[in-house]
N, C-alpha and C. Protein backbone atom coordinates (compact mmCIF):
# COMPACT_ATOMS: atom_id res chain seq x y z
N MET A 1 12.54 46.31 10.58
CA MET A 1 12.24 45.92 9.20
C MET A 1 11.94 44.43 9.15
N LYS A 2 10.78 44.06 8.67
CA LYS A 2 10.39 42.67 8.65
C LYS A 2 11.05 41.94 7.49
N CYS A 3 11.25 40.64 7.68
CA CYS A 3 11.89 39.84 6.65
C CYS A 3 10.99 39.71 5.43
N VAL A 4 11.49 40.15 4.29
CA VAL A 4 10.67 40.20 3.09
C VAL A 4 10.21 38.83 2.65
N CYS A 5 11.14 37.82 2.72
CA CYS A 5 10.77 36.50 2.19
C CYS A 5 9.67 35.86 3.04
N VAL A 6 9.61 36.20 4.35
CA VAL A 6 8.55 35.65 5.18
C VAL A 6 7.23 36.31 4.85
N LEU A 7 7.25 37.63 4.62
CA LEU A 7 6.04 38.33 4.28
C LEU A 7 5.47 37.87 2.95
N LEU A 8 6.32 37.70 1.98
CA LEU A 8 5.84 37.40 0.64
C LEU A 8 5.60 35.92 0.40
N LEU A 9 6.42 35.06 0.96
CA LEU A 9 6.34 33.64 0.63
C LEU A 9 5.88 32.76 1.77
N MET A 10 5.80 33.31 2.99
CA MET A 10 5.47 32.52 4.16
C MET A 10 6.30 31.25 4.20
N SER A 11 7.57 31.41 3.89
CA SER A 11 8.46 30.26 3.75
C SER A 11 9.23 30.02 5.02
N LEU A 12 10.10 29.00 4.97
CA LEU A 12 10.97 28.68 6.08
C LEU A 12 12.35 29.30 5.91
N CYS A 13 12.47 30.28 5.01
CA CYS A 13 13.76 30.91 4.77
C CYS A 13 14.23 31.61 6.04
N ALA A 14 15.48 31.46 6.32
CA ALA A 14 16.06 32.12 7.48
C ALA A 14 16.66 33.44 7.03
N CYS A 15 15.88 34.49 7.07
CA CYS A 15 16.32 35.78 6.56
C CYS A 15 16.79 36.65 7.71
N ALA A 16 18.02 37.12 7.63
CA ALA A 16 18.54 38.02 8.64
C ALA A 16 17.98 39.42 8.42
N GLU A 17 17.86 40.18 9.50
CA GLU A 17 17.34 41.53 9.39
C GLU A 17 18.25 42.37 8.50
N PHE A 18 17.60 43.09 7.56
CA PHE A 18 18.27 43.94 6.58
C PHE A 18 19.02 43.14 5.52
N ALA A 19 18.97 41.82 5.56
CA ALA A 19 19.71 41.04 4.56
C ALA A 19 18.97 41.06 3.23
N GLU A 20 19.74 41.08 2.15
CA GLU A 20 19.15 41.10 0.83
C GLU A 20 19.03 39.69 0.24
N ALA A 21 19.83 38.75 0.74
CA ALA A 21 19.83 37.40 0.18
C ALA A 21 18.93 36.49 0.99
N CYS A 22 18.50 35.41 0.35
CA CYS A 22 17.68 34.40 1.02
C CYS A 22 18.60 33.29 1.50
N SER A 23 18.51 32.93 2.76
CA SER A 23 19.40 31.92 3.33
C SER A 23 18.59 30.75 3.86
N CYS A 24 19.01 29.53 3.53
CA CYS A 24 18.30 28.33 3.94
C CYS A 24 19.29 27.29 4.42
N SER A 25 18.86 26.47 5.35
CA SER A 25 19.69 25.34 5.77
C SER A 25 19.48 24.20 4.78
N HIS A 26 20.52 23.39 4.59
CA HIS A 26 20.44 22.27 3.65
C HIS A 26 19.55 21.17 4.21
N THR A 27 18.84 20.49 3.32
CA THR A 27 17.93 19.42 3.70
C THR A 27 18.21 18.17 2.89
N HIS A 28 18.31 17.05 3.57
CA HIS A 28 18.47 15.77 2.88
C HIS A 28 17.22 15.52 2.03
N PRO A 29 17.36 14.95 0.82
CA PRO A 29 16.19 14.76 -0.04
C PRO A 29 15.06 13.95 0.61
N GLN A 30 15.41 12.98 1.46
CA GLN A 30 14.36 12.23 2.15
C GLN A 30 13.60 13.13 3.11
N GLN A 31 14.31 13.96 3.86
CA GLN A 31 13.65 14.86 4.80
C GLN A 31 12.79 15.86 4.05
N ALA A 32 13.27 16.34 2.89
CA ALA A 32 12.48 17.25 2.08
C ALA A 32 11.20 16.58 1.60
N TYR A 33 11.31 15.31 1.19
CA TYR A 33 10.14 14.55 0.77
C TYR A 33 9.13 14.45 1.92
N CYS A 34 9.61 14.09 3.09
CA CYS A 34 8.71 13.91 4.24
C CYS A 34 8.07 15.21 4.68
N ASN A 35 8.80 16.33 4.58
CA ASN A 35 8.27 17.62 5.03
C ASN A 35 7.27 18.23 4.06
N ALA A 36 7.32 17.82 2.80
CA ALA A 36 6.54 18.49 1.76
C ALA A 36 5.11 17.96 1.68
N ASP A 37 4.20 18.85 1.26
CA ASP A 37 2.83 18.43 0.94
C ASP A 37 2.78 17.84 -0.46
N ILE A 38 3.62 18.39 -1.35
CA ILE A 38 3.62 18.01 -2.75
C ILE A 38 5.02 17.61 -3.19
N VAL A 39 5.14 16.49 -3.87
CA VAL A 39 6.40 16.08 -4.50
C VAL A 39 6.05 15.59 -5.90
N ILE A 40 6.52 16.31 -6.91
CA ILE A 40 6.17 15.98 -8.29
C ILE A 40 7.38 16.03 -9.21
N ARG A 41 7.23 15.39 -10.33
CA ARG A 41 8.17 15.52 -11.44
C ARG A 41 7.43 16.32 -12.52
N ALA A 42 8.05 17.39 -13.00
CA ALA A 42 7.34 18.27 -13.93
C ALA A 42 8.32 19.09 -14.76
N LYS A 43 7.80 19.67 -15.82
CA LYS A 43 8.58 20.61 -16.62
C LYS A 43 7.78 21.88 -16.84
N VAL A 44 8.48 22.98 -17.04
CA VAL A 44 7.85 24.29 -17.22
C VAL A 44 7.44 24.46 -18.67
N VAL A 45 6.20 24.93 -18.87
CA VAL A 45 5.71 25.18 -20.23
C VAL A 45 5.38 26.65 -20.45
N GLY A 46 5.51 27.47 -19.40
CA GLY A 46 5.25 28.90 -19.55
C GLY A 46 5.44 29.62 -18.24
N GLN A 47 5.60 30.93 -18.30
CA GLN A 47 5.73 31.72 -17.08
C GLN A 47 5.29 33.15 -17.32
N LYS A 48 4.88 33.82 -16.24
CA LYS A 48 4.49 35.22 -16.32
C LYS A 48 4.59 35.85 -14.95
N GLU A 49 4.70 37.16 -14.93
CA GLU A 49 4.72 37.91 -13.67
C GLU A 49 3.29 38.26 -13.29
N VAL A 50 2.96 38.06 -12.02
CA VAL A 50 1.61 38.35 -11.55
C VAL A 50 1.68 39.22 -10.30
N VAL A 51 0.65 39.97 -10.04
CA VAL A 51 0.54 40.78 -8.82
C VAL A 51 -0.40 40.06 -7.87
N THR A 52 0.09 39.76 -6.68
CA THR A 52 -0.71 38.99 -5.72
C THR A 52 -1.26 39.82 -4.58
N GLY A 53 -0.95 41.11 -4.55
CA GLY A 53 -1.45 41.96 -3.48
C GLY A 53 -0.69 43.27 -3.40
N ILE A 54 -0.89 43.97 -2.30
CA ILE A 54 -0.26 45.26 -2.05
C ILE A 54 0.46 45.18 -0.71
N ASP A 55 1.72 45.67 -0.65
CA ASP A 55 2.43 45.62 0.62
C ASP A 55 2.03 46.78 1.51
N THR A 56 2.66 46.87 2.68
CA THR A 56 2.28 47.88 3.66
C THR A 56 2.59 49.31 3.21
N TYR A 57 3.42 49.43 2.16
CA TYR A 57 3.76 50.75 1.64
C TYR A 57 2.94 51.12 0.40
N GLY A 58 1.99 50.26 0.05
CA GLY A 58 1.15 50.53 -1.09
C GLY A 58 1.72 50.08 -2.42
N ASN A 59 2.83 49.33 -2.39
CA ASN A 59 3.45 48.85 -3.62
C ASN A 59 2.89 47.47 -3.99
N PRO A 60 2.79 47.18 -5.28
CA PRO A 60 2.29 45.87 -5.69
C PRO A 60 3.27 44.76 -5.33
N VAL A 61 2.75 43.65 -4.86
CA VAL A 61 3.56 42.47 -4.55
C VAL A 61 3.58 41.60 -5.79
N LYS A 62 4.75 41.50 -6.42
CA LYS A 62 4.87 40.76 -7.67
C LYS A 62 5.49 39.38 -7.43
N MET A 63 4.97 38.40 -8.13
CA MET A 63 5.46 37.02 -8.05
C MET A 63 5.60 36.47 -9.46
N ILE A 64 6.30 35.34 -9.57
CA ILE A 64 6.41 34.64 -10.85
C ILE A 64 5.52 33.41 -10.81
N LEU A 65 4.64 33.31 -11.80
CA LEU A 65 3.75 32.15 -11.92
C LEU A 65 4.25 31.27 -13.05
N TYR A 66 4.58 30.01 -12.72
CA TYR A 66 5.03 29.05 -13.73
C TYR A 66 3.87 28.13 -14.09
N ASP A 67 3.61 27.99 -15.38
CA ASP A 67 2.72 26.94 -15.85
C ASP A 67 3.57 25.69 -16.05
N ILE A 68 3.13 24.58 -15.48
CA ILE A 68 3.93 23.36 -15.55
C ILE A 68 3.11 22.20 -16.11
N LYS A 69 3.83 21.22 -16.65
CA LYS A 69 3.22 19.97 -17.07
C LYS A 69 3.73 18.88 -16.14
N GLN A 70 2.85 18.38 -15.30
CA GLN A 70 3.22 17.34 -14.35
C GLN A 70 3.31 16.00 -15.06
N THR A 71 4.43 15.32 -14.87
CA THR A 71 4.59 14.00 -15.47
C THR A 71 4.47 12.88 -14.45
N LYS A 72 4.63 13.20 -13.16
CA LYS A 72 4.51 12.18 -12.12
C LYS A 72 4.29 12.86 -10.78
N MET A 73 3.30 12.36 -10.01
CA MET A 73 3.12 12.82 -8.63
C MET A 73 3.57 11.71 -7.69
N PHE A 74 4.53 12.02 -6.83
CA PHE A 74 5.03 11.07 -5.86
C PHE A 74 4.34 11.23 -4.51
N LYS A 75 3.87 12.43 -4.24
CA LYS A 75 3.20 12.70 -2.97
C LYS A 75 2.29 13.90 -3.17
N GLY A 76 1.06 13.80 -2.67
CA GLY A 76 0.15 14.93 -2.81
C GLY A 76 -1.29 14.48 -2.94
N PRO A 77 -2.20 15.44 -3.01
CA PRO A 77 -3.63 15.12 -3.12
C PRO A 77 -3.98 14.64 -4.52
N ASP A 78 -5.19 14.12 -4.67
CA ASP A 78 -5.67 13.73 -5.99
C ASP A 78 -5.74 14.94 -6.89
N GLY A 79 -5.50 14.74 -8.14
CA GLY A 79 -5.53 15.85 -9.09
C GLY A 79 -4.14 16.21 -9.55
N GLU A 80 -4.09 17.05 -10.55
CA GLU A 80 -2.82 17.43 -11.16
C GLU A 80 -2.45 18.86 -10.82
N ILE A 81 -1.18 19.09 -10.53
CA ILE A 81 -0.68 20.43 -10.28
C ILE A 81 -0.27 21.03 -11.62
N ASP A 82 -0.84 22.18 -11.98
CA ASP A 82 -0.51 22.78 -13.28
C ASP A 82 0.14 24.14 -13.16
N THR A 83 0.22 24.71 -11.94
CA THR A 83 0.90 25.99 -11.75
C THR A 83 1.63 25.99 -10.41
N ILE A 84 2.73 26.71 -10.35
CA ILE A 84 3.40 26.99 -9.09
C ILE A 84 3.78 28.45 -9.08
N ILE A 85 3.91 29.01 -7.88
CA ILE A 85 4.22 30.42 -7.75
C ILE A 85 5.44 30.59 -6.87
N THR A 86 6.26 31.58 -7.20
CA THR A 86 7.50 31.80 -6.45
C THR A 86 7.85 33.28 -6.47
N GLY A 87 8.84 33.67 -5.69
CA GLY A 87 9.26 35.05 -5.63
C GLY A 87 9.91 35.51 -6.93
N PRO A 88 9.96 36.83 -7.15
CA PRO A 88 10.47 37.36 -8.42
C PRO A 88 11.99 37.31 -8.56
N SER A 89 12.71 37.02 -7.48
CA SER A 89 14.17 36.99 -7.55
C SER A 89 14.71 36.09 -6.44
N ALA A 90 15.98 35.68 -6.59
CA ALA A 90 16.61 34.85 -5.58
C ALA A 90 16.73 35.60 -4.25
N ALA A 91 16.89 36.92 -4.31
CA ALA A 91 16.98 37.72 -3.08
C ALA A 91 15.70 37.64 -2.27
N LEU A 92 14.59 37.34 -2.95
CA LEU A 92 13.31 37.19 -2.27
C LEU A 92 12.89 35.72 -2.23
N CYS A 93 13.87 34.85 -2.24
CA CYS A 93 13.68 33.40 -2.14
C CYS A 93 13.05 32.80 -3.39
N GLY A 94 13.01 33.52 -4.49
CA GLY A 94 12.40 33.01 -5.70
C GLY A 94 13.25 31.95 -6.37
N VAL A 95 12.59 30.99 -7.02
CA VAL A 95 13.25 29.89 -7.72
C VAL A 95 13.17 30.14 -9.22
N HIS A 96 14.31 30.03 -9.91
CA HIS A 96 14.32 30.17 -11.37
C HIS A 96 14.28 28.78 -12.01
N LEU A 97 13.28 28.57 -12.87
CA LEU A 97 13.13 27.30 -13.57
C LEU A 97 13.20 27.54 -15.07
N ASP A 98 13.94 26.69 -15.77
CA ASP A 98 14.06 26.80 -17.22
C ASP A 98 12.85 26.18 -17.90
N SER A 99 12.52 26.71 -19.06
CA SER A 99 11.38 26.19 -19.81
C SER A 99 11.81 25.52 -21.11
N ASN A 100 13.03 25.00 -21.16
CA ASN A 100 13.55 24.37 -22.37
C ASN A 100 13.41 22.85 -22.33
N ASP A 101 12.23 22.39 -21.94
CA ASP A 101 11.90 20.97 -21.88
C ASP A 101 12.68 20.24 -20.79
N LYS A 102 13.22 20.96 -19.84
CA LYS A 102 13.97 20.37 -18.73
C LYS A 102 13.00 19.93 -17.65
N GLU A 103 13.19 18.71 -17.14
CA GLU A 103 12.32 18.20 -16.09
C GLU A 103 12.94 18.42 -14.71
N TYR A 104 12.08 18.66 -13.73
CA TYR A 104 12.52 18.92 -12.37
C TYR A 104 11.81 18.00 -11.38
N LEU A 105 12.49 17.71 -10.28
CA LEU A 105 11.83 17.20 -9.09
C LEU A 105 11.50 18.43 -8.25
N ILE A 106 10.23 18.60 -7.92
CA ILE A 106 9.79 19.79 -7.20
C ILE A 106 9.08 19.39 -5.92
N THR A 107 9.55 19.90 -4.78
CA THR A 107 8.84 19.71 -3.52
C THR A 107 8.33 21.06 -3.05
N GLY A 108 7.20 21.06 -2.38
CA GLY A 108 6.65 22.32 -1.89
C GLY A 108 5.46 22.06 -0.99
N ASN A 109 4.88 23.13 -0.49
CA ASN A 109 3.75 23.02 0.42
C ASN A 109 2.57 23.84 -0.07
N LEU A 110 1.38 23.29 0.15
CA LEU A 110 0.16 23.98 -0.21
C LEU A 110 -0.25 24.92 0.92
N TYR A 111 -0.73 26.09 0.56
CA TYR A 111 -1.22 27.03 1.54
C TYR A 111 -2.74 27.00 1.58
N SER A 112 -3.33 27.73 2.49
CA SER A 112 -4.76 27.63 2.76
C SER A 112 -5.63 27.88 1.54
N ASN A 113 -5.13 28.67 0.60
CA ASN A 113 -5.92 28.95 -0.61
C ASN A 113 -5.67 27.92 -1.71
N GLY A 114 -4.89 26.86 -1.40
CA GLY A 114 -4.64 25.83 -2.38
C GLY A 114 -3.48 26.12 -3.32
N THR A 115 -2.79 27.24 -3.12
CA THR A 115 -1.68 27.62 -3.98
C THR A 115 -0.42 26.84 -3.61
N LEU A 116 0.27 26.32 -4.61
CA LEU A 116 1.56 25.67 -4.37
C LEU A 116 2.65 26.70 -4.58
N ARG A 117 3.27 27.13 -3.49
CA ARG A 117 4.36 28.10 -3.55
C ARG A 117 5.67 27.39 -3.27
N VAL A 118 6.68 27.73 -4.04
CA VAL A 118 8.00 27.15 -3.84
C VAL A 118 9.02 28.27 -3.65
N ASN A 119 10.10 27.94 -2.97
CA ASN A 119 11.15 28.92 -2.73
C ASN A 119 12.49 28.21 -2.65
N LEU A 120 13.55 28.97 -2.46
CA LEU A 120 14.90 28.40 -2.45
C LEU A 120 15.14 27.42 -1.31
N CYS A 121 14.28 27.45 -0.30
CA CYS A 121 14.43 26.52 0.81
C CYS A 121 13.81 25.15 0.50
N ASP A 122 13.03 25.06 -0.56
CA ASP A 122 12.46 23.79 -0.97
C ASP A 122 13.49 22.98 -1.76
N TYR A 123 13.31 21.67 -1.79
CA TYR A 123 14.22 20.81 -2.54
C TYR A 123 13.73 20.74 -3.98
N ILE A 124 14.45 21.41 -4.88
CA ILE A 124 14.10 21.44 -6.30
C ILE A 124 15.38 21.17 -7.08
N GLU A 125 15.38 20.07 -7.82
CA GLU A 125 16.56 19.64 -8.56
C GLU A 125 16.15 19.20 -9.96
N SER A 126 17.07 19.33 -10.91
CA SER A 126 16.80 18.80 -12.23
C SER A 126 16.71 17.28 -12.13
N TRP A 127 15.78 16.70 -12.86
CA TRP A 127 15.57 15.25 -12.79
C TRP A 127 16.82 14.49 -13.19
N GLU A 128 17.54 14.98 -14.19
CA GLU A 128 18.72 14.30 -14.67
C GLU A 128 19.84 14.25 -13.64
N SER A 129 19.86 15.21 -12.72
CA SER A 129 20.94 15.26 -11.73
C SER A 129 20.74 14.27 -10.58
N LEU A 130 19.55 13.69 -10.46
CA LEU A 130 19.27 12.75 -9.37
C LEU A 130 19.90 11.40 -9.66
N SER A 131 20.35 10.73 -8.61
CA SER A 131 20.86 9.38 -8.77
C SER A 131 19.70 8.41 -8.98
N LEU A 132 20.01 7.23 -9.50
CA LEU A 132 18.98 6.21 -9.69
C LEU A 132 18.33 5.85 -8.36
N THR A 133 19.13 5.78 -7.30
CA THR A 133 18.59 5.47 -5.97
C THR A 133 17.61 6.54 -5.52
N GLN A 134 17.94 7.80 -5.71
CA GLN A 134 17.02 8.87 -5.33
C GLN A 134 15.71 8.77 -6.08
N LYS A 135 15.78 8.50 -7.38
CA LYS A 135 14.56 8.39 -8.18
C LYS A 135 13.69 7.23 -7.70
N LYS A 136 14.31 6.09 -7.39
CA LYS A 136 13.54 4.93 -6.95
C LYS A 136 13.04 5.08 -5.51
N SER A 137 13.67 5.98 -4.75
CA SER A 137 13.28 6.16 -3.34
C SER A 137 12.06 7.06 -3.19
N LEU A 138 11.75 7.84 -4.21
CA LEU A 138 10.61 8.75 -4.13
C LEU A 138 9.32 7.93 -4.04
N GLY A 139 8.74 7.91 -2.89
CA GLY A 139 7.56 7.09 -2.66
C GLY A 139 7.76 6.18 -1.47
N GLN A 140 7.71 4.86 -1.71
CA GLN A 140 7.69 3.89 -0.61
C GLN A 140 8.89 4.00 0.32
N ARG A 141 10.10 4.03 -0.24
CA ARG A 141 11.26 3.97 0.64
C ARG A 141 11.42 5.24 1.46
N TYR A 142 11.31 6.41 0.83
CA TYR A 142 11.39 7.64 1.61
C TYR A 142 10.25 7.71 2.63
N GLN A 143 9.06 7.28 2.23
CA GLN A 143 7.92 7.33 3.14
C GLN A 143 8.15 6.46 4.37
N MET A 144 8.82 5.33 4.19
CA MET A 144 9.11 4.44 5.31
C MET A 144 9.97 5.11 6.37
N GLY A 145 10.71 6.13 6.00
CA GLY A 145 11.60 6.80 6.95
C GLY A 145 11.04 8.10 7.49
N CYS A 146 9.79 8.39 7.22
CA CYS A 146 9.25 9.69 7.64
C CYS A 146 9.04 9.80 9.15
N GLU A 147 9.09 8.68 9.86
CA GLU A 147 9.03 8.75 11.32
C GLU A 147 10.41 9.03 11.91
N CYS A 148 11.43 8.97 11.09
CA CYS A 148 12.78 9.30 11.52
C CYS A 148 13.07 10.77 11.21
N LYS A 149 14.14 11.28 11.79
CA LYS A 149 14.55 12.66 11.53
C LYS A 149 16.02 12.67 11.14
N ILE A 150 16.33 13.36 10.05
CA ILE A 150 17.72 13.43 9.58
C ILE A 150 18.34 14.74 10.05
N ILE A 151 19.43 14.63 10.79
CA ILE A 151 20.08 15.79 11.39
C ILE A 151 21.33 16.13 10.60
N PRO A 152 21.38 17.31 9.96
CA PRO A 152 22.58 17.69 9.20
C PRO A 152 23.72 18.07 10.12
N CYS A 153 24.91 17.64 9.76
CA CYS A 153 26.12 18.02 10.49
C CYS A 153 26.89 19.01 9.63
N SER A 154 27.06 20.22 10.10
CA SER A 154 27.77 21.24 9.33
C SER A 154 29.15 21.54 9.89
N VAL A 155 29.34 21.26 11.18
CA VAL A 155 30.64 21.51 11.84
C VAL A 155 30.92 20.38 12.82
N ILE A 156 32.11 19.83 12.76
CA ILE A 156 32.52 18.80 13.71
C ILE A 156 32.98 19.46 15.01
N PRO A 157 32.62 18.93 16.20
CA PRO A 157 31.88 17.68 16.40
C PRO A 157 30.37 17.87 16.28
N CYS A 158 29.68 16.82 15.89
CA CYS A 158 28.23 16.86 15.85
C CYS A 158 27.71 15.47 16.22
N SER A 159 26.49 15.41 16.69
CA SER A 159 25.94 14.14 17.15
C SER A 159 24.42 14.20 17.09
N ILE A 160 23.79 13.06 17.31
CA ILE A 160 22.34 13.00 17.39
C ILE A 160 21.94 12.90 18.86
N ASN A 161 20.73 13.30 19.17
CA ASN A 161 20.24 13.31 20.54
C ASN A 161 19.14 12.30 20.79
N ASP A 162 18.73 11.60 19.74
CA ASP A 162 17.61 10.67 19.86
C ASP A 162 17.88 9.47 18.97
N ALA A 163 17.45 8.30 19.41
CA ALA A 163 17.67 7.07 18.64
C ALA A 163 16.90 7.08 17.32
N ALA A 164 15.89 7.92 17.21
CA ALA A 164 15.08 8.00 16.00
C ALA A 164 15.64 9.03 15.02
N GLU A 165 16.93 9.34 15.15
CA GLU A 165 17.59 10.30 14.26
C GLU A 165 18.74 9.64 13.51
N CYS A 166 19.03 10.17 12.32
CA CYS A 166 20.20 9.76 11.55
C CYS A 166 21.07 10.98 11.31
N LEU A 167 22.37 10.84 11.49
CA LEU A 167 23.29 11.97 11.32
C LEU A 167 23.74 12.05 9.86
N TRP A 168 23.50 13.19 9.24
CA TRP A 168 23.85 13.42 7.83
C TRP A 168 25.18 14.16 7.77
N THR A 169 26.23 13.48 7.33
CA THR A 169 27.58 14.03 7.41
C THR A 169 28.20 14.36 6.04
N ASP A 170 27.42 14.37 4.99
CA ASP A 170 27.98 14.63 3.66
C ASP A 170 28.80 15.92 3.60
N TRP A 171 28.29 16.98 4.22
CA TRP A 171 28.95 18.28 4.10
C TRP A 171 30.34 18.27 4.75
N VAL A 172 30.44 17.72 5.95
CA VAL A 172 31.73 17.75 6.65
C VAL A 172 32.70 16.69 6.12
N VAL A 173 32.19 15.60 5.58
CA VAL A 173 33.05 14.53 5.08
C VAL A 173 33.41 14.72 3.62
N GLU A 174 32.42 15.07 2.79
CA GLU A 174 32.61 15.16 1.35
C GLU A 174 32.73 16.59 0.84
N GLY A 175 32.35 17.58 1.66
CA GLY A 175 32.38 18.97 1.22
C GLY A 175 31.26 19.32 0.26
N THR A 176 30.19 18.51 0.24
CA THR A 176 29.04 18.76 -0.62
C THR A 176 27.80 18.16 0.02
N VAL A 177 26.64 18.75 -0.26
CA VAL A 177 25.38 18.19 0.25
C VAL A 177 24.84 17.14 -0.70
N GLN A 178 25.54 16.90 -1.82
CA GLN A 178 25.14 15.86 -2.76
C GLN A 178 26.09 14.67 -2.66
N GLY A 179 26.48 14.34 -1.45
CA GLY A 179 27.39 13.23 -1.20
C GLY A 179 26.66 11.89 -1.17
N PRO A 180 27.35 10.83 -0.76
CA PRO A 180 26.78 9.48 -0.77
C PRO A 180 25.50 9.34 0.05
N GLN A 181 25.44 9.95 1.22
CA GLN A 181 24.24 9.80 2.03
C GLN A 181 23.02 10.42 1.35
N ALA A 182 23.21 11.54 0.66
CA ALA A 182 22.09 12.17 -0.05
C ALA A 182 21.70 11.36 -1.28
N GLN A 183 22.68 10.79 -1.96
CA GLN A 183 22.41 10.12 -3.23
C GLN A 183 21.99 8.66 -3.10
N TYR A 184 22.47 7.98 -2.05
CA TYR A 184 22.28 6.53 -2.01
C TYR A 184 21.65 5.98 -0.73
N TYR A 185 21.44 6.81 0.29
CA TYR A 185 20.99 6.30 1.57
C TYR A 185 19.63 6.85 1.98
N THR A 186 18.92 6.03 2.74
CA THR A 186 17.64 6.41 3.34
C THR A 186 17.70 6.10 4.83
N CYS A 187 17.15 6.98 5.62
CA CYS A 187 17.08 6.77 7.08
C CYS A 187 15.79 6.00 7.38
N ILE A 188 15.94 4.76 7.84
CA ILE A 188 14.80 3.86 8.02
C ILE A 188 14.67 3.44 9.49
N LYS A 189 13.43 3.32 9.97
CA LYS A 189 13.19 2.86 11.34
C LYS A 189 13.42 1.36 11.44
N ARG A 190 14.13 0.94 12.50
CA ARG A 190 14.44 -0.47 12.72
C ARG A 190 13.41 -1.08 13.68
N HIS A 191 13.56 -2.39 13.94
CA HIS A 191 12.57 -3.10 14.75
C HIS A 191 12.50 -2.59 16.19
N ASP A 192 13.61 -2.02 16.68
CA ASP A 192 13.63 -1.55 18.06
C ASP A 192 13.19 -0.09 18.20
N GLY A 193 12.73 0.51 17.12
CA GLY A 193 12.27 1.90 17.16
C GLY A 193 13.33 2.92 16.84
N SER A 194 14.59 2.48 16.77
CA SER A 194 15.66 3.40 16.41
C SER A 194 15.72 3.53 14.89
N CYS A 195 16.47 4.51 14.41
CA CYS A 195 16.60 4.74 12.98
C CYS A 195 18.06 4.59 12.55
N SER A 196 18.26 4.11 11.34
CA SER A 196 19.61 3.91 10.84
C SER A 196 19.59 4.04 9.32
N TRP A 197 20.77 4.26 8.74
CA TRP A 197 20.88 4.43 7.30
C TRP A 197 20.76 3.09 6.58
N TYR A 198 20.06 3.11 5.46
CA TYR A 198 19.89 1.94 4.61
C TYR A 198 20.36 2.31 3.21
N ARG A 199 21.08 1.42 2.57
CA ARG A 199 21.54 1.68 1.21
C ARG A 199 20.97 0.63 0.25
N GLY A 200 20.57 1.08 -0.92
CA GLY A 200 20.07 0.16 -1.94
C GLY A 200 19.31 0.93 -3.01
N ALA A 201 19.16 0.32 -4.18
CA ALA A 201 18.48 0.96 -5.30
C ALA A 201 17.01 0.63 -5.34
N ALA A 202 16.58 -0.38 -4.58
CA ALA A 202 15.17 -0.77 -4.56
C ALA A 202 14.64 -0.66 -3.15
N PRO A 203 13.32 -0.45 -2.96
CA PRO A 203 12.75 -0.35 -1.61
C PRO A 203 12.99 -1.63 -0.82
N PRO A 204 13.21 -1.52 0.49
CA PRO A 204 13.39 -2.71 1.33
C PRO A 204 12.16 -3.60 1.28
N LYS A 205 12.34 -4.90 1.53
CA LYS A 205 11.22 -5.83 1.49
C LYS A 205 10.37 -5.75 2.74
N THR A 206 10.93 -5.28 3.84
CA THR A 206 10.19 -5.13 5.08
C THR A 206 10.19 -3.69 5.51
N THR A 207 9.40 -3.38 6.52
CA THR A 207 9.29 -1.99 6.98
C THR A 207 10.36 -1.64 7.99
N VAL A 208 11.19 -2.60 8.39
CA VAL A 208 12.25 -2.32 9.36
C VAL A 208 13.56 -2.90 8.84
N GLN A 209 14.65 -2.28 9.25
CA GLN A 209 15.97 -2.73 8.79
C GLN A 209 16.95 -2.68 9.93
N ASN A 210 17.88 -3.63 9.95
CA ASN A 210 19.02 -3.60 10.85
C ASN A 210 20.24 -3.38 9.99
N VAL A 211 20.75 -2.18 9.98
CA VAL A 211 21.90 -1.87 9.13
C VAL A 211 22.87 -0.99 9.89
N GLN A 212 24.06 -0.90 9.36
CA GLN A 212 25.07 -0.06 9.96
C GLN A 212 25.09 1.30 9.28
N ASP A 213 25.47 2.32 10.02
CA ASP A 213 25.62 3.65 9.43
C ASP A 213 26.70 3.62 8.38
N PRO A 214 26.55 4.45 7.33
CA PRO A 214 27.58 4.48 6.28
C PRO A 214 28.89 5.03 6.81
């Protein structure tokens, strides 16, 4: 039995065979920014169910199409994103977005037909829940760290294998993926080619930093 979320969403969801739920590994917001084709701030203005094809059993493949109003593009091609598509339920990696004037930070990837599809493995958060540092990092500061790689630590002991990596320890230290490193730190490349955590509310003045890990 093939993984449904891979068939329908072509996502990075880690779906176990016969599993009904969608499972994803946690991603630091900077890493999500760097991995995404599109990073926008937007709110939902409408939604509807659409049929995007037929599965191998002859059943219609249903998805949820959200009409959105983009208020800011942090990363992406020229032009405005006005729709996104996702699975019909969380079990199929679908994302539920409210349409009560709530704004979101939305990351996702464009597929060959130009469709922006999002799923539970993408970094999607309400705008109000983001820290000031996260909001100011969207763009220059996160982009400066895209040559680095952030490695999540889920179980101690854990370590990095390359100088161009930063170890993300929020989960094991704070018991949450929304800890200090996610909210206030950026992994930035230093002058010697290694990467290290940088803290601050404004983008660094130079492209390299010498700082200590948090």
